[in-house]
Amino acid sequence: MKLKSERHGSVVVMGMKGKVMGGPDATVFRDELKNHLDDGIRKVVIDLGRVDWMNSSGLGILIGGLTTVKNAGGEMKLARTTDKIQSLLMITKLVQVFSTYETVEAAIAAFSE
């Protein structure tokens, strides 16, 4: 998994790319997320548009991220969920836990609602 973060005002967009399968990916994601929270960022969008594949450990990364952000008083949204990831969220009923948006822009705009 590759991870790239971009600031959009008070929102950080963390783009995941490749296969998201836990293990070292979890550490990279957690450390990056913690850095943003330490910098005072409380609005996080996870861009999943370039994720090829995600297993249950990958879902665990997202759940852990959501918990971390909420515990810091923030919000996390998912953007550009692929059909595969969307069906994973449906099967696991996590679609009720995560706010998902078709575009990164829509996810960013949802913070001001």
PDB file of N, CA and C in Angstrom:
ATOM      1  N   MET A   1       0.835  -1.179   0.000  1.00  0.00           N
ATOM      2  CA  MET A   1       0.000   0.000   0.000  1.00  0.00           C
ATOM      3  C   MET A   1       0.879   1.241   0.000  1.00  0.00           C
ATOM      4  N   LYS A   2       0.482   2.194  -0.791  1.00  0.00           N
ATOM      5  CA  LYS A   2       1.136   3.498  -0.764  1.00  0.00           C
ATOM      6  C   LYS A   2       0.138   4.482  -0.173  1.00  0.00           C
ATOM      7  N   LEU A   3       0.651   5.476   0.531  1.00  0.00           N
ATOM      8  CA  LEU A   3      -0.195   6.452   1.201  1.00  0.00           C
ATOM      9  C   LEU A   3       0.324   7.844   0.894  1.00  0.00           C
ATOM     10  N   LYS A   4      -0.590   8.725   0.476  1.00  0.00           N
ATOM     11  CA  LYS A   4      -0.196  10.095   0.166  1.00  0.00           C
ATOM     12  C   LYS A   4      -1.220  11.033   0.788  1.00  0.00           C
ATOM     13  N   SER A   5      -0.740  12.030   1.520  1.00  0.00           N
ATOM     14  CA  SER A   5      -1.639  12.969   2.181  1.00  0.00           C
ATOM     15  C   SER A   5      -1.546  14.346   1.546  1.00  0.00           C
ATOM     16  N   GLU A   6      -2.701  15.013   1.451  1.00  0.00           N
ATOM     17  CA  GLU A   6      -2.764  16.384   0.938  1.00  0.00           C
ATOM     18  C   GLU A   6      -3.680  17.191   1.830  1.00  0.00           C
ATOM     19  N   ARG A   7      -3.262  18.423   2.123  1.00  0.00           N
ATOM     20  CA  ARG A   7      -4.103  19.318   2.916  1.00  0.00           C
ATOM     21  C   ARG A   7      -5.025  20.097   1.992  1.00  0.00           C
ATOM     22  N   HIS A   8      -6.263  20.233   2.405  1.00  0.00           N
ATOM     23  CA  HIS A   8      -7.256  21.068   1.718  1.00  0.00           C
ATOM     24  C   HIS A   8      -7.882  21.942   2.795  1.00  0.00           C
ATOM     25  N   GLY A   9      -7.212  23.049   3.124  1.00  0.00           N
ATOM     26  CA  GLY A   9      -7.676  23.897   4.214  1.00  0.00           C
ATOM     27  C   GLY A   9      -7.568  23.150   5.529  1.00  0.00           C
ATOM     28  N   SER A  10      -8.698  22.973   6.219  1.00  0.00           N
ATOM     29  CA  SER A  10      -8.686  22.303   7.527  1.00  0.00           C
ATOM     30  C   SER A  10      -8.901  20.793   7.410  1.00  0.00           C
ATOM     31  N   VAL A  11      -8.925  20.296   6.165  1.00  0.00           N
ATOM     32  CA  VAL A  11      -9.171  18.869   5.913  1.00  0.00           C
ATOM     33  C   VAL A  11      -7.902  18.234   5.345  1.00  0.00           C
ATOM     34  N   VAL A  12      -7.598  17.020   5.797  1.00  0.00           N
ATOM     35  CA  VAL A  12      -6.510  16.276   5.178  1.00  0.00           C
ATOM     36  C   VAL A  12      -7.129  15.112   4.401  1.00  0.00           C
ATOM     37  N   VAL A  13      -6.648  14.926   3.173  1.00  0.00           N
ATOM     38  CA  VAL A  13      -7.085  13.801   2.339  1.00  0.00           C
ATOM     39  C   VAL A  13      -5.933  12.804   2.298  1.00  0.00           C
ATOM     40  N   MET A  14      -6.202  11.600   2.795  1.00  0.00           N
ATOM     41  CA  MET A  14      -5.195  10.544   2.779  1.00  0.00           C
ATOM     42  C   MET A  14      -5.580   9.563   1.678  1.00  0.00           C
ATOM     43  N   GLY A  15      -4.784   9.523   0.630  1.00  0.00           N
ATOM     44  CA  GLY A  15      -5.056   8.641  -0.498  1.00  0.00           C
ATOM     45  C   GLY A  15      -4.311   7.329  -0.365  1.00  0.00           C
ATOM     46  N   MET A  16      -5.069   6.243  -0.377  1.00  0.00           N
ATOM     47  CA  MET A  16      -4.461   4.914  -0.342  1.00  0.00           C
ATOM     48  C   MET A  16      -4.367   4.394  -1.769  1.00  0.00           C
ATOM     49  N   LYS A  17      -3.320   3.611  -2.046  1.00  0.00           N
ATOM     50  CA  LYS A  17      -3.127   3.065  -3.381  1.00  0.00           C
ATOM     51  C   LYS A  17      -2.569   1.651  -3.269  1.00  0.00           C
ATOM     52  N   GLY A  18      -3.063   0.764  -4.138  1.00  0.00           N
ATOM     53  CA  GLY A  18      -2.541  -0.605  -4.168  1.00  0.00           C
ATOM     54  C   GLY A  18      -3.381  -1.553  -3.345  1.00  0.00           C
ATOM     55  N   LYS A  19      -2.701  -2.506  -2.716  1.00  0.00           N
ATOM     56  CA  LYS A  19      -3.374  -3.511  -1.885  1.00  0.00           C
ATOM     57  C   LYS A  19      -3.284  -3.095  -0.416  1.00  0.00           C
ATOM     58  N   VAL A  20      -4.419  -3.113   0.274  1.00  0.00           N
ATOM     59  CA  VAL A  20      -4.467  -2.736   1.687  1.00  0.00           C
ATOM     60  C   VAL A  20      -4.747  -4.001   2.483  1.00  0.00           C
ATOM     61  N   MET A  21      -3.704  -4.496   3.177  1.00  0.00           N
ATOM     62  CA  MET A  21      -3.821  -5.816   3.784  1.00  0.00           C
ATOM     63  C   MET A  21      -3.339  -5.897   5.229  1.00  0.00           C
ATOM     64  N   GLY A  22      -3.262  -4.801   5.927  1.00  0.00           N
ATOM     65  CA  GLY A  22      -2.842  -4.870   7.325  1.00  0.00           C
ATOM     66  C   GLY A  22      -1.341  -5.005   7.461  1.00  0.00           C
ATOM     67  N   GLY A  23      -0.890  -5.507   8.609  1.00  0.00           N
ATOM     68  CA  GLY A  23       0.538  -5.649   8.858  1.00  0.00           C
ATOM     69  C   GLY A  23       1.247  -4.312   8.818  1.00  0.00           C
ATOM     70  N   PRO A  24       2.304  -4.198   7.990  1.00  0.00           N
ATOM     71  CA  PRO A  24       3.048  -2.931   7.905  1.00  0.00           C
ATOM     72  C   PRO A  24       2.169  -1.775   7.428  1.00  0.00           C
ATOM     73  N   ASP A  25       1.148  -2.079   6.595  1.00  0.00           N
ATOM     74  CA  ASP A  25       0.232  -1.028   6.120  1.00  0.00           C
ATOM     75  C   ASP A  25      -0.452  -0.342   7.300  1.00  0.00           C
ATOM     76  N   ALA A  26      -0.844  -1.138   8.298  1.00  0.00           N
ATOM     77  CA  ALA A  26      -1.538  -0.595   9.467  1.00  0.00           C
ATOM     78  C   ALA A  26      -0.650   0.394  10.210  1.00  0.00           C
ATOM     79  N   THR A  27       0.623   0.051  10.357  1.00  0.00           N
ATOM     80  CA  THR A  27       1.558   0.918  11.066  1.00  0.00           C
ATOM     81  C   THR A  27       1.764   2.223  10.312  1.00  0.00           C
ATOM     82  N   VAL A  28       1.963   2.132   9.004  1.00  0.00           N
ATOM     83  CA  VAL A  28       2.166   3.328   8.170  1.00  0.00           C
ATOM     84  C   VAL A  28       0.949   4.247   8.275  1.00  0.00           C
ATOM     85  N   PHE A  29      -0.239   3.658   8.126  1.00  0.00           N
ATOM     86  CA  PHE A  29      -1.481   4.442   8.176  1.00  0.00           C
ATOM     87  C   PHE A  29      -1.656   5.094   9.553  1.00  0.00           C
ATOM     88  N   ARG A  30      -1.496   4.310  10.605  1.00  0.00           N
ATOM     89  CA  ARG A  30      -1.695   4.806  11.977  1.00  0.00           C
ATOM     90  C   ARG A  30      -0.730   5.952  12.284  1.00  0.00           C
ATOM     91  N   ASP A  31       0.546   5.787  11.899  1.00  0.00           N
ATOM     92  CA  ASP A  31       1.549   6.824  12.168  1.00  0.00           C
ATOM     93  C   ASP A  31       1.220   8.114  11.423  1.00  0.00           C
ATOM     94  N   GLU A  32       0.849   7.982  10.151  1.00  0.00           N
ATOM     95  CA  GLU A  32       0.508   9.160   9.340  1.00  0.00           C
ATOM     96  C   GLU A  32      -0.716   9.874   9.926  1.00  0.00           C
ATOM     97  N   LEU A  33      -1.722   9.093  10.283  1.00  0.00           N
ATOM     98  CA  LEU A  33      -2.944   9.658  10.855  1.00  0.00           C
ATOM     99  C   LEU A  33      -2.631  10.377  12.170  1.00  0.00           C
ATOM    100  N   LYS A  34      -1.818   9.753  12.988  1.00  0.00           N
ATOM    101  CA  LYS A  34      -1.451  10.354  14.282  1.00  0.00           C
ATOM    102  C   LYS A  34      -0.709  11.671  14.083  1.00  0.00           C
ATOM    103  N   ASN A  35       0.161  11.738  13.080  1.00  0.00           N
ATOM    104  CA  ASN A  35       0.874  12.987  12.779  1.00  0.00           C
ATOM    105  C   ASN A  35      -0.102  14.109  12.452  1.00  0.00           C
ATOM    106  N   HIS A  36      -1.122  13.791  11.648  1.00  0.00           N
ATOM    107  CA  HIS A  36      -2.117  14.812  11.293  1.00  0.00           C
ATOM    108  C   HIS A  36      -2.904  15.259  12.521  1.00  0.00           C
ATOM    109  N   LEU A  37      -3.287  14.308  13.354  1.00  0.00           N
ATOM    110  CA  LEU A  37      -4.030  14.650  14.574  1.00  0.00           C
ATOM    111  C   LEU A  37      -3.163  15.489  15.511  1.00  0.00           C
ATOM    112  N   ASP A  38      -1.885  15.141  15.607  1.00  0.00           N
ATOM    113  CA  ASP A  38      -0.954  15.915  16.431  1.00  0.00           C
ATOM    114  C   ASP A  38      -0.796  17.343  15.908  1.00  0.00           C
ATOM    115  N   ASP A  39      -0.984  17.513  14.587  1.00  0.00           N
ATOM    116  CA  ASP A  39      -0.908  18.847  13.968  1.00  0.00           C
ATOM    117  C   ASP A  39      -2.216  19.618  14.108  1.00  0.00           C
ATOM    118  N   GLY A  40      -3.211  19.012  14.772  1.00  0.00           N
ATOM    119  CA  GLY A  40      -4.469  19.714  15.001  1.00  0.00           C
ATOM    120  C   GLY A  40      -5.541  19.473  13.958  1.00  0.00           C
ATOM    121  N   ILE A  41      -5.268  18.602  12.992  1.00  0.00           N
ATOM    122  CA  ILE A  41      -6.262  18.284  11.958  1.00  0.00           C
ATOM    123  C   ILE A  41      -7.311  17.360  12.572  1.00  0.00           C
ATOM    124  N   ARG A  42      -8.576  17.692  12.404  1.00  0.00           N
ATOM    125  CA  ARG A  42      -9.658  16.868  12.956  1.00  0.00           C
ATOM    126  C   ARG A  42     -10.643  16.418  11.886  1.00  0.00           C
ATOM    127  N   LYS A  43     -10.378  16.791  10.642  1.00  0.00           N
ATOM    128  CA  LYS A  43     -11.245  16.399   9.526  1.00  0.00           C
ATOM    129  C   LYS A  43     -10.414  15.594   8.541  1.00  0.00           C
ATOM    130  N   VAL A  44     -10.775  14.314   8.388  1.00  0.00           N
ATOM    131  CA  VAL A  44      -9.969  13.393   7.585  1.00  0.00           C
ATOM    132  C   VAL A  44     -10.845  12.722   6.531  1.00  0.00           C
ATOM    133  N   VAL A  45     -10.358  12.736   5.291  1.00  0.00           N
ATOM    134  CA  VAL A  45     -11.001  12.005   4.201  1.00  0.00           C
ATOM    135  C   VAL A  45     -10.025  10.924   3.747  1.00  0.00           C
ATOM    136  N   ILE A  46     -10.518   9.698   3.654  1.00  0.00           N
ATOM    137  CA  ILE A  46      -9.706   8.598   3.132  1.00  0.00           C
ATOM    138  C   ILE A  46     -10.154   8.343   1.702  1.00  0.00           C
ATOM    139  N   ASP A  47      -9.260   8.592   0.747  1.00  0.00           N
ATOM    140  CA  ASP A  47      -9.553   8.394  -0.677  1.00  0.00           C
ATOM    141  C   ASP A  47      -9.172   6.960  -1.049  1.00  0.00           C
ATOM    142  N   LEU A  48     -10.190   6.163  -1.382  1.00  0.00           N
ATOM    143  CA  LEU A  48      -9.973   4.745  -1.689  1.00  0.00           C
ATOM    144  C   LEU A  48     -10.048   4.454  -3.190  1.00  0.00           C
ATOM    145  N   GLY A  49     -10.084   5.476  -4.010  1.00  0.00           N
ATOM    146  CA  GLY A  49     -10.262   5.308  -5.451  1.00  0.00           C
ATOM    147  C   GLY A  49      -9.167   4.534  -6.157  1.00  0.00           C
ATOM    148  N   ARG A  50      -7.980   4.451  -5.557  1.00  0.00           N
ATOM    149  CA  ARG A  50      -6.861   3.759  -6.205  1.00  0.00           C
ATOM    150  C   ARG A  50      -6.460   2.480  -5.464  1.00  0.00           C
ATOM    151  N   VAL A  51      -7.370   1.996  -4.617  1.00  0.00           N
ATOM    152  CA  VAL A  51      -7.114   0.744  -3.909  1.00  0.00           C
ATOM    153  C   VAL A  51      -7.543  -0.412  -4.805  1.00  0.00           C
ATOM    154  N   ASP A  52      -6.606  -1.319  -5.094  1.00  0.00           N
ATOM    155  CA  ASP A  52      -6.894  -2.466  -5.959  1.00  0.00           C
ATOM    156  C   ASP A  52      -7.633  -3.563  -5.210  1.00  0.00           C
ATOM    157  N   TRP A  53      -7.264  -3.717  -3.932  1.00  0.00           N
ATOM    158  CA  TRP A  53      -7.780  -4.854  -3.181  1.00  0.00           C
ATOM    159  C   TRP A  53      -7.664  -4.559  -1.699  1.00  0.00           C
ATOM    160  N   MET A  54      -8.632  -5.021  -0.918  1.00  0.00           N
ATOM    161  CA  MET A  54      -8.599  -4.822   0.523  1.00  0.00           C
ATOM    162  C   MET A  54      -9.148  -6.078   1.197  1.00  0.00           C
ATOM    163  N   ASN A  55      -8.435  -6.569   2.207  1.00  0.00           N
ATOM    164  CA  ASN A  55      -8.923  -7.731   2.945  1.00  0.00           C
ATOM    165  C   ASN A  55      -9.498  -7.278   4.288  1.00  0.00           C
ATOM    166  N   SER A  56      -9.836  -8.227   5.150  1.00  0.00           N
ATOM    167  CA  SER A  56     -10.434  -7.875   6.440  1.00  0.00           C
ATOM    168  C   SER A  56      -9.468  -7.068   7.304  1.00  0.00           C
ATOM    169  N   SER A  57      -8.189  -7.329   7.182  1.00  0.00           N
ATOM    170  CA  SER A  57      -7.203  -6.534   7.934  1.00  0.00           C
ATOM    171  C   SER A  57      -7.185  -5.095   7.434  1.00  0.00           C
ATOM    172  N   GLY A  58      -7.395  -4.920   6.137  1.00  0.00           N
ATOM    173  CA  GLY A  58      -7.500  -3.578   5.567  1.00  0.00           C
ATOM    174  C   GLY A  58      -8.703  -2.835   6.124  1.00  0.00           C
ATOM    175  N   LEU A  59      -9.830  -3.557   6.251  1.00  0.00           N
ATOM    176  CA  LEU A  59     -11.011  -2.956   6.876  1.00  0.00           C
ATOM    177  C   LEU A  59     -10.699  -2.587   8.317  1.00  0.00           C
ATOM    178  N   GLY A  60      -9.921  -3.440   8.986  1.00  0.00           N
ATOM    179  CA  GLY A  60      -9.511  -3.162  10.362  1.00  0.00           C
ATOM    180  C   GLY A  60      -8.722  -1.864  10.468  1.00  0.00           C
ATOM    181  N   ILE A  61      -7.906  -1.587   9.463  1.00  0.00           N
ATOM    182  CA  ILE A  61      -7.141  -0.335   9.428  1.00  0.00           C
ATOM    183  C   ILE A  61      -8.109   0.846   9.414  1.00  0.00           C
ATOM    184  N   LEU A  62      -9.141   0.757   8.568  1.00  0.00           N
ATOM    185  CA  LEU A  62     -10.117   1.846   8.471  1.00  0.00           C
ATOM    186  C   LEU A  62     -10.886   2.023   9.783  1.00  0.00           C
ATOM    187  N   ILE A  63     -11.285   0.908  10.393  1.00  0.00           N
ATOM    188  CA  ILE A  63     -12.022   0.969  11.657  1.00  0.00           C
ATOM    189  C   ILE A  63     -11.149   1.580  12.756  1.00  0.00           C
ATOM    190  N   GLY A  64      -9.891   1.139  12.806  1.00  0.00           N
ATOM    191  CA  GLY A  64      -8.951   1.708  13.781  1.00  0.00           C
ATOM    192  C   GLY A  64      -8.750   3.199  13.565  1.00  0.00           C
ATOM    193  N   GLY A  65      -8.668   3.598  12.306  1.00  0.00           N
ATOM    194  CA  GLY A  65      -8.515   5.016  11.975  1.00  0.00           C
ATOM    195  C   GLY A  65      -9.717   5.826  12.413  1.00  0.00           C
ATOM    196  N   LEU A  66     -10.904   5.291  12.163  1.00  0.00           N
ATOM    197  CA  LEU A  66     -12.135   5.973  12.553  1.00  0.00           C
ATOM    198  C   LEU A  66     -12.182   6.153  14.075  1.00  0.00           C
ATOM    199  N   THR A  67     -11.834   5.106  14.801  1.00  0.00           N
ATOM    200  CA  THR A  67     -11.825   5.161  16.259  1.00  0.00           C
ATOM    201  C   THR A  67     -10.826   6.205  16.759  1.00  0.00           C
ATOM    202  N   THR A  68      -9.634   6.203  16.183  1.00  0.00           N
ATOM    203  CA  THR A  68      -8.593   7.156  16.574  1.00  0.00           C
ATOM    204  C   THR A  68      -9.047   8.591  16.347  1.00  0.00           C
ATOM    205  N   VAL A  69      -9.634   8.844  15.157  1.00  0.00           N
ATOM    206  CA  VAL A  69     -10.087  10.196  14.817  1.00  0.00           C
ATOM    207  C   VAL A  69     -11.231  10.627  15.741  1.00  0.00           C
ATOM    208  N   LYS A  70     -12.198   9.742  15.967  1.00  0.00           N
ATOM    209  CA  LYS A  70     -13.325  10.083  16.850  1.00  0.00           C
ATOM    210  C   LYS A  70     -12.849  10.355  18.271  1.00  0.00           C
ATOM    211  N   ASN A  71     -11.915   9.548  18.764  1.00  0.00           N
ATOM    212  CA  ASN A  71     -11.376   9.746  20.113  1.00  0.00           C
ATOM    213  C   ASN A  71     -10.652  11.079  20.249  1.00  0.00           C
ATOM    214  N   ALA A  72     -10.157  11.608  19.120  1.00  0.00           N
ATOM    215  CA  ALA A  72      -9.471  12.908  19.119  1.00  0.00           C
ATOM    216  C   ALA A  72     -10.453  14.053  18.887  1.00  0.00           C
ATOM    217  N   GLY A  73     -11.756  13.703  18.800  1.00  0.00           N
ATOM    218  CA  GLY A  73     -12.777  14.738  18.593  1.00  0.00           C
ATOM    219  C   GLY A  73     -12.967  15.122  17.143  1.00  0.00           C
ATOM    220  N   GLY A  74     -12.553  14.240  16.241  1.00  0.00           N
ATOM    221  CA  GLY A  74     -12.649  14.559  14.819  1.00  0.00           C
ATOM    222  C   GLY A  74     -13.645  13.690  14.077  1.00  0.00           C
ATOM    223  N   GLU A  75     -13.638  13.856  12.760  1.00  0.00           N
ATOM    224  CA  GLU A  75     -14.517  13.097  11.876  1.00  0.00           C
ATOM    225  C   GLU A  75     -13.701  12.508  10.734  1.00  0.00           C
ATOM    226  N   MET A  76     -14.075  11.315  10.289  1.00  0.00           N
ATOM    227  CA  MET A  76     -13.418  10.678   9.153  1.00  0.00           C
ATOM    228  C   MET A  76     -14.469  10.236   8.152  1.00  0.00           C
ATOM    229  N   LYS A  77     -14.223  10.509   6.883  1.00  0.00           N
ATOM    230  CA  LYS A  77     -15.132  10.122   5.812  1.00  0.00           C
ATOM    231  C   LYS A  77     -14.354   9.344   4.750  1.00  0.00           C
ATOM    232  N   LEU A  78     -15.061   8.471   4.037  1.00  0.00           N
ATOM    233  CA  LEU A  78     -14.450   7.712   2.951  1.00  0.00           C
ATOM    234  C   LEU A  78     -14.906   8.283   1.620  1.00  0.00           C
ATOM    235  N   ALA A  79     -13.979   8.374   0.669  1.00  0.00           N
ATOM    236  CA  ALA A  79     -14.307   8.894  -0.655  1.00  0.00           C
ATOM    237  C   ALA A  79     -13.868   7.900  -1.728  1.00  0.00           C
ATOM    238  N   ARG A  80     -14.586   7.917  -2.827  1.00  0.00           N
ATOM    239  CA  ARG A  80     -14.282   7.107  -4.011  1.00  0.00           C
ATOM    240  C   ARG A  80     -14.127   5.623  -3.667  1.00  0.00           C
ATOM    241  N   THR A  81     -15.043   5.099  -2.852  1.00  0.00           N
ATOM    242  CA  THR A  81     -14.992   3.667  -2.546  1.00  0.00           C
ATOM    243  C   THR A  81     -15.293   2.895  -3.821  1.00  0.00           C
ATOM    244  N   THR A  82     -14.435   1.958  -4.142  1.00  0.00           N
ATOM    245  CA  THR A  82     -14.641   1.139  -5.340  1.00  0.00           C
ATOM    246  C   THR A  82     -15.818   0.195  -5.102  1.00  0.00           C
ATOM    247  N   ASP A  83     -16.312  -0.415  -6.165  1.00  0.00           N
ATOM    248  CA  ASP A  83     -17.429  -1.357  -6.032  1.00  0.00           C
ATOM    249  C   ASP A  83     -17.071  -2.499  -5.084  1.00  0.00           C
ATOM    250  N   LYS A  84     -15.836  -2.996  -5.192  1.00  0.00           N
ATOM    251  CA  LYS A  84     -15.396  -4.091  -4.320  1.00  0.00           C
ATOM    252  C   LYS A  84     -15.414  -3.676  -2.853  1.00  0.00           C
ATOM    253  N   ILE A  85     -14.884  -2.504  -2.572  1.00  0.00           N
ATOM    254  CA  ILE A  85     -14.842  -2.038  -1.185  1.00  0.00           C
ATOM    255  C   ILE A  85     -16.255  -1.729  -0.691  1.00  0.00           C
ATOM    256  N   GLN A  86     -17.073  -1.135  -1.547  1.00  0.00           N
ATOM    257  CA  GLN A  86     -18.454  -0.837  -1.157  1.00  0.00           C
ATOM    258  C   GLN A  86     -19.198  -2.125  -0.798  1.00  0.00           C
ATOM    259  N   SER A  87     -18.981  -3.192  -1.573  1.00  0.00           N
ATOM    260  CA  SER A  87     -19.659  -4.450  -1.256  1.00  0.00           C
ATOM    261  C   SER A  87     -19.118  -5.046   0.042  1.00  0.00           C
ATOM    262  N   LEU A  88     -17.813  -4.887   0.313  1.00  0.00           N
ATOM    263  CA  LEU A  88     -17.248  -5.309   1.597  1.00  0.00           C
ATOM    264  C   LEU A  88     -17.916  -4.572   2.752  1.00  0.00           C
ATOM    265  N   LEU A  89     -18.108  -3.266   2.570  1.00  0.00           N
ATOM    266  CA  LEU A  89     -18.753  -2.460   3.613  1.00  0.00           C
ATOM    267  C   LEU A  89     -20.204  -2.902   3.816  1.00  0.00           C
ATOM    268  N   MET A  90     -20.872  -3.280   2.731  1.00  0.00           N
ATOM    269  CA  MET A  90     -22.267  -3.739   2.820  1.00  0.00           C
ATOM    270  C   MET A  90     -22.332  -5.075   3.558  1.00  0.00           C
ATOM    271  N   ILE A  91     -21.505  -6.024   3.150  1.00  0.00           N
ATOM    272  CA  ILE A  91     -21.511  -7.367   3.735  1.00  0.00           C
ATOM    273  C   ILE A  91     -21.230  -7.316   5.235  1.00  0.00           C
ATOM    274  N   THR A  92     -20.279  -6.455   5.618  1.00  0.00           N
ATOM    275  CA  THR A  92     -19.874  -6.373   7.027  1.00  0.00           C
ATOM    276  C   THR A  92     -20.734  -5.388   7.820  1.00  0.00           C
ATOM    277  N   LYS A  93     -21.699  -4.786   7.158  1.00  0.00           N
ATOM    278  CA  LYS A  93     -22.584  -3.787   7.771  1.00  0.00           C
ATOM    279  C   LYS A  93     -21.839  -2.515   8.207  1.00  0.00           C
ATOM    280  N   LEU A  94     -20.604  -2.360   7.741  1.00  0.00           N
ATOM    281  CA  LEU A  94     -19.837  -1.162   8.075  1.00  0.00           C
ATOM    282  C   LEU A  94     -20.326   0.053   7.291  1.00  0.00           C
ATOM    283  N   VAL A  95     -21.191  -0.185   6.319  1.00  0.00           N
ATOM    284  CA  VAL A  95     -21.777   0.914   5.552  1.00  0.00           C
ATOM    285  C   VAL A  95     -22.586   1.818   6.502  1.00  0.00           C
ATOM    286  N   GLN A  96     -23.018   1.261   7.635  1.00  0.00           N
ATOM    287  CA  GLN A  96     -23.759   2.042   8.634  1.00  0.00           C
ATOM    288  C   GLN A  96     -22.815   2.831   9.543  1.00  0.00           C
ATOM    289  N   VAL A  97     -21.537   2.478   9.522  1.00  0.00           N
ATOM    290  CA  VAL A  97     -20.552   3.101  10.404  1.00  0.00           C
ATOM    291  C   VAL A  97     -19.809   4.239   9.697  1.00  0.00           C
ATOM    292  N   PHE A  98     -19.481   4.021   8.422  1.00  0.00           N
ATOM    293  CA  PHE A  98     -18.702   4.998   7.661  1.00  0.00           C
ATOM    294  C   PHE A  98     -19.603   5.869   6.795  1.00  0.00           C
ATOM    295  N   SER A  99     -19.240   7.142   6.690  1.00  0.00           N
ATOM    296  CA  SER A  99     -19.878   8.044   5.733  1.00  0.00           C
ATOM    297  C   SER A  99     -19.072   7.940   4.445  1.00  0.00           C
ATOM    298  N   THR A 100     -19.737   7.549   3.342  1.00  0.00           N
ATOM    299  CA  THR A 100     -19.022   7.384   2.074  1.00  0.00           C
ATOM    300  C   THR A 100     -19.532   8.384   1.048  1.00  0.00           C
ATOM    301  N   TYR A 101     -18.630   8.834   0.188  1.00  0.00           N
ATOM    302  CA  TYR A 101     -18.937   9.835  -0.831  1.00  0.00           C
ATOM    303  C   TYR A 101     -18.325   9.426  -2.157  1.00  0.00           C
ATOM    304  N   GLU A 102     -18.982   9.816  -3.244  1.00  0.00           N
ATOM    305  CA  GLU A 102     -18.506   9.428  -4.578  1.00  0.00           C
ATOM    306  C   GLU A 102     -17.224  10.135  -4.966  1.00  0.00           C
ATOM    307  N   THR A 103     -17.041  11.357  -4.464  1.00  0.00           N
ATOM    308  CA  THR A 103     -15.837  12.113  -4.818  1.00  0.00           C
ATOM    309  C   THR A 103     -15.175  12.666  -3.560  1.00  0.00           C
ATOM    310  N   VAL A 104     -13.904  12.982  -3.683  1.00  0.00           N
ATOM    311  CA  VAL A 104     -13.172  13.607  -2.585  1.00  0.00           C
ATOM    312  C   VAL A 104     -13.785  14.973  -2.284  1.00  0.00           C
ATOM    313  N   GLU A 105     -14.155  15.699  -3.332  1.00  0.00           N
ATOM    314  CA  GLU A 105     -14.741  17.031  -3.156  1.00  0.00           C
ATOM    315  C   GLU A 105     -16.036  16.975  -2.354  1.00  0.00           C
ATOM    316  N   ALA A 106     -16.864  15.965  -2.642  1.00  0.00           N
ATOM    317  CA  ALA A 106     -18.136  15.812  -1.918  1.00  0.00           C
ATOM    318  C   ALA A 106     -17.880  15.495  -0.452  1.00  0.00           C
ATOM    319  N   ALA A 107     -16.871  14.679  -0.189  1.00  0.00           N
ATOM    320  CA  ALA A 107     -16.525  14.334   1.197  1.00  0.00           C
ATOM    321  C   ALA A 107     -16.034  15.572   1.950  1.00  0.00           C
ATOM    322  N   ILE A 108     -15.192  16.380   1.302  1.00  0.00           N
ATOM    323  CA  ILE A 108     -14.680  17.603   1.928  1.00  0.00           C
ATOM    324  C   ILE A 108     -15.840  18.556   2.195  1.00  0.00           C
ATOM    325  N   ALA A 109     -16.726  18.720   1.217  1.00  0.00           N
ATOM    326  CA  ALA A 109     -17.871  19.628   1.366  1.00  0.00           C
ATOM    327  C   ALA A 109     -18.794  19.185   2.486  1.00  0.00           C
ATOM    328  N   ALA A 110     -18.869  17.888   2.740  1.00  0.00           N
ATOM    329  CA  ALA A 110     -19.770  17.361   3.771  1.00  0.00           C
ATOM    330  C   ALA A 110     -19.364  17.795   5.176  1.00  0.00           C
ATOM    331  N   PHE A 111     -18.122  18.193   5.364  1.00  0.00           N
ATOM    332  CA  PHE A 111     -17.685  18.663   6.686  1.00  0.00           C
ATOM    333  C   PHE A 111     -18.350  19.966   7.063  1.00  0.00           C
ATOM    334  N   SER A 112     -18.687  20.783   6.081  1.00  0.00           N
ATOM    335  CA  SER A 112     -19.263  22.095   6.386  1.00  0.00           C
ATOM    336  C   SER A 112     -20.785  22.048   6.521  1.00  0.00           C
ATOM    337  N   GLU A 113     -21.372  20.851   6.327  1.00  0.00           N
ATOM    338  CA  GLU A 113     -22.829  20.743   6.410  1.00  0.00           C
ATOM    339  C   GLU A 113     -23.284  20.769   7.855  1.00  0.00           C
TER     340      GLU A 113
END
